[in-house]
Amino acid sequence: CAELKHHHDERLAKTRDAVSQQPRTVFEVATELFGELSGFHVVLGCAEANSHLEHLVDLGEVHEADNRFRAE
């Protein structure tokens, strides 16, 4: 459990960093986190990035406007 929590915390930090300089779309964040995506990996990468972004929005650390996310 501790290892999984650590991985999740690291991914949240990388997601927050990806939107700290400028507003970005879910796809832009996904490619920042996972590199070039193709085929079904686009769906999987975007789904995971979106989940992390939504969690950060719920925490009040990231805001969304016009389908773009930005860290506060």
N, C-alpha and C. Protein backbone atom coordinates (compact mmCIF):
# COMPACT_ATOMS: atom_id res chain seq x y z
N CYS A 1 0.82 -1.20 0.00
CA CYS A 1 0.00 0.00 0.00
C CYS A 1 0.86 1.26 0.00
N ALA A 2 1.93 1.25 0.80
CA ALA A 2 2.80 2.43 0.88
C ALA A 2 3.46 2.70 -0.47
N GLU A 3 3.87 1.64 -1.15
CA GLU A 3 4.51 1.80 -2.47
C GLU A 3 3.53 2.38 -3.48
N LEU A 4 2.31 1.90 -3.47
CA LEU A 4 1.27 2.41 -4.38
C LEU A 4 0.96 3.87 -4.08
N LYS A 5 0.86 4.22 -2.81
CA LYS A 5 0.61 5.62 -2.43
C LYS A 5 1.75 6.51 -2.88
N HIS A 6 3.00 6.02 -2.71
CA HIS A 6 4.16 6.80 -3.14
C HIS A 6 4.12 7.04 -4.66
N HIS A 7 3.80 5.99 -5.42
CA HIS A 7 3.69 6.12 -6.88
C HIS A 7 2.61 7.14 -7.24
N HIS A 8 1.47 7.06 -6.57
CA HIS A 8 0.36 7.99 -6.83
C HIS A 8 0.78 9.42 -6.52
N ASP A 9 1.46 9.62 -5.40
CA ASP A 9 1.93 10.96 -5.03
C ASP A 9 2.92 11.51 -6.05
N GLU A 10 3.81 10.65 -6.53
CA GLU A 10 4.76 11.08 -7.57
C GLU A 10 4.04 11.48 -8.85
N ARG A 11 3.04 10.69 -9.25
CA ARG A 11 2.31 10.99 -10.48
C ARG A 11 1.52 12.28 -10.33
N LEU A 12 0.95 12.52 -9.15
CA LEU A 12 0.24 13.79 -8.90
C LEU A 12 1.20 14.97 -9.01
N ALA A 13 2.40 14.82 -8.47
CA ALA A 13 3.39 15.90 -8.54
C ALA A 13 3.78 16.18 -10.00
N LYS A 14 4.00 15.13 -10.78
CA LYS A 14 4.33 15.31 -12.20
C LYS A 14 3.18 15.96 -12.96
N THR A 15 1.97 15.58 -12.61
CA THR A 15 0.79 16.17 -13.26
C THR A 15 0.69 17.65 -12.91
N ARG A 16 0.87 17.98 -11.65
CA ARG A 16 0.84 19.38 -11.21
C ARG A 16 1.92 20.18 -11.92
N ASP A 17 3.13 19.61 -12.01
CA ASP A 17 4.23 20.29 -12.70
C ASP A 17 3.90 20.53 -14.17
N ALA A 18 3.20 19.60 -14.79
CA ALA A 18 2.87 19.71 -16.22
C ALA A 18 1.96 20.90 -16.50
N VAL A 19 1.21 21.34 -15.51
CA VAL A 19 0.29 22.47 -15.72
C VAL A 19 0.69 23.69 -14.91
N SER A 20 1.91 23.73 -14.43
CA SER A 20 2.34 24.84 -13.58
C SER A 20 2.76 26.08 -14.37
N GLN A 21 3.22 25.91 -15.60
CA GLN A 21 3.71 27.04 -16.38
C GLN A 21 2.66 27.68 -17.27
N GLN A 22 1.75 26.84 -17.77
CA GLN A 22 0.71 27.34 -18.68
C GLN A 22 -0.47 26.38 -18.68
N PRO A 23 -1.64 26.86 -19.03
CA PRO A 23 -2.81 25.96 -19.11
C PRO A 23 -2.58 24.91 -20.20
N ARG A 24 -2.98 23.67 -19.91
CA ARG A 24 -2.80 22.59 -20.86
C ARG A 24 -4.03 21.71 -20.90
N THR A 25 -4.23 21.07 -22.05
CA THR A 25 -5.33 20.13 -22.21
C THR A 25 -4.96 18.78 -21.59
N VAL A 26 -5.95 17.93 -21.44
CA VAL A 26 -5.69 16.58 -20.92
C VAL A 26 -4.70 15.86 -21.83
N PHE A 27 -4.87 15.96 -23.14
CA PHE A 27 -3.95 15.29 -24.06
C PHE A 27 -2.53 15.81 -23.90
N GLU A 28 -2.36 17.12 -23.76
CA GLU A 28 -1.03 17.68 -23.57
C GLU A 28 -0.39 17.17 -22.28
N VAL A 29 -1.18 17.07 -21.23
CA VAL A 29 -0.66 16.54 -19.97
C VAL A 29 -0.30 15.06 -20.13
N ALA A 30 -1.14 14.31 -20.81
CA ALA A 30 -0.87 12.88 -21.02
C ALA A 30 0.44 12.67 -21.77
N THR A 31 0.70 13.45 -22.80
CA THR A 31 1.95 13.29 -23.55
C THR A 31 3.14 13.75 -22.73
N GLU A 32 2.93 14.71 -21.85
CA GLU A 32 4.01 15.12 -20.94
C GLU A 32 4.35 13.99 -19.97
N LEU A 33 3.34 13.31 -19.49
CA LEU A 33 3.54 12.23 -18.52
C LEU A 33 4.08 10.95 -19.16
N PHE A 34 3.58 10.61 -20.36
CA PHE A 34 3.84 9.29 -20.93
C PHE A 34 4.58 9.31 -22.26
N GLY A 35 4.87 10.49 -22.79
CA GLY A 35 5.54 10.57 -24.08
C GLY A 35 4.54 10.42 -25.22
N GLU A 36 5.05 10.15 -26.41
CA GLU A 36 4.19 10.03 -27.59
C GLU A 36 3.22 8.86 -27.40
N LEU A 37 1.96 9.14 -27.67
CA LEU A 37 0.91 8.13 -27.52
C LEU A 37 0.29 7.82 -28.88
N SER A 38 -0.04 6.54 -29.09
CA SER A 38 -0.72 6.18 -30.32
C SER A 38 -1.72 5.07 -30.03
N GLY A 39 -2.67 4.91 -30.93
CA GLY A 39 -3.66 3.86 -30.80
C GLY A 39 -4.42 3.95 -29.49
N PHE A 40 -4.67 2.80 -28.88
CA PHE A 40 -5.45 2.75 -27.66
C PHE A 40 -4.73 3.42 -26.49
N HIS A 41 -3.42 3.59 -26.60
CA HIS A 41 -2.65 4.26 -25.54
C HIS A 41 -3.06 5.72 -25.39
N VAL A 42 -3.59 6.32 -26.44
CA VAL A 42 -4.12 7.69 -26.32
C VAL A 42 -5.26 7.70 -25.32
N VAL A 43 -6.16 6.74 -25.44
CA VAL A 43 -7.31 6.65 -24.53
C VAL A 43 -6.83 6.40 -23.10
N LEU A 44 -5.95 5.42 -22.94
CA LEU A 44 -5.47 5.07 -21.60
C LEU A 44 -4.69 6.21 -20.96
N GLY A 45 -3.81 6.83 -21.71
CA GLY A 45 -3.01 7.94 -21.18
C GLY A 45 -3.86 9.14 -20.81
N CYS A 46 -4.82 9.46 -21.66
CA CYS A 46 -5.70 10.60 -21.37
C CYS A 46 -6.60 10.30 -20.18
N ALA A 47 -7.06 9.06 -20.07
CA ALA A 47 -7.92 8.70 -18.93
C ALA A 47 -7.15 8.83 -17.62
N GLU A 48 -5.92 8.36 -17.60
CA GLU A 48 -5.13 8.46 -16.37
C GLU A 48 -4.78 9.92 -16.05
N ALA A 49 -4.35 10.67 -17.06
CA ALA A 49 -4.04 12.08 -16.84
C ALA A 49 -5.27 12.83 -16.34
N ASN A 50 -6.42 12.56 -16.94
CA ASN A 50 -7.65 13.23 -16.52
C ASN A 50 -8.01 12.90 -15.08
N SER A 51 -7.82 11.66 -14.68
CA SER A 51 -8.12 11.27 -13.30
C SER A 51 -7.24 12.04 -12.32
N HIS A 52 -5.97 12.16 -12.63
CA HIS A 52 -5.07 12.92 -11.75
C HIS A 52 -5.43 14.39 -11.74
N LEU A 53 -5.76 14.94 -12.90
CA LEU A 53 -6.16 16.35 -12.95
C LEU A 53 -7.43 16.60 -12.15
N GLU A 54 -8.42 15.73 -12.28
CA GLU A 54 -9.66 15.90 -11.53
C GLU A 54 -9.41 15.82 -10.02
N HIS A 55 -8.52 14.92 -9.61
CA HIS A 55 -8.19 14.82 -8.19
C HIS A 55 -7.52 16.11 -7.71
N LEU A 56 -6.61 16.67 -8.51
CA LEU A 56 -5.95 17.92 -8.14
C LEU A 56 -6.94 19.08 -8.12
N VAL A 57 -7.94 19.06 -9.00
CA VAL A 57 -9.00 20.08 -8.96
C VAL A 57 -9.78 19.95 -7.66
N ASP A 58 -10.13 18.73 -7.29
CA ASP A 58 -10.86 18.50 -6.04
C ASP A 58 -10.07 18.99 -4.83
N LEU A 59 -8.74 18.87 -4.89
CA LEU A 59 -7.88 19.35 -3.79
C LEU A 59 -7.70 20.86 -3.81
N GLY A 60 -8.13 21.50 -4.91
CA GLY A 60 -7.96 22.95 -5.04
C GLY A 60 -6.58 23.37 -5.51
N GLU A 61 -5.78 22.42 -5.99
CA GLU A 61 -4.42 22.73 -6.43
C GLU A 61 -4.34 23.07 -7.91
N VAL A 62 -5.36 22.67 -8.66
CA VAL A 62 -5.42 22.91 -10.10
C VAL A 62 -6.82 23.42 -10.42
N HIS A 63 -6.89 24.33 -11.40
CA HIS A 63 -8.18 24.84 -11.85
C HIS A 63 -8.35 24.55 -13.33
N GLU A 64 -9.60 24.36 -13.73
CA GLU A 64 -9.92 24.06 -15.12
C GLU A 64 -10.81 25.17 -15.69
N ALA A 65 -10.46 25.61 -16.88
CA ALA A 65 -11.29 26.58 -17.61
C ALA A 65 -11.10 26.32 -19.09
N ASP A 66 -12.20 26.26 -19.81
CA ASP A 66 -12.17 26.05 -21.26
C ASP A 66 -11.39 24.79 -21.64
N ASN A 67 -11.59 23.71 -20.88
CA ASN A 67 -10.95 22.43 -21.14
C ASN A 67 -9.43 22.47 -21.03
N ARG A 68 -8.93 23.42 -20.26
CA ARG A 68 -7.49 23.52 -19.99
C ARG A 68 -7.30 23.60 -18.49
N PHE A 69 -6.21 23.01 -18.03
CA PHE A 69 -5.93 22.94 -16.60
C PHE A 69 -4.70 23.76 -16.29
N ARG A 70 -4.71 24.39 -15.11
CA ARG A 70 -3.57 25.22 -14.68
C ARG A 70 -3.42 25.09 -13.17
N ALA A 71 -2.18 24.88 -12.72
CA ALA A 71 -1.89 24.81 -11.29
C ALA A 71 -1.95 26.22 -10.72
N GLU A 72 -2.41 26.31 -9.50
CA GLU A 72 -2.49 27.59 -8.80
C GLU A 72 -1.25 27.82 -7.97
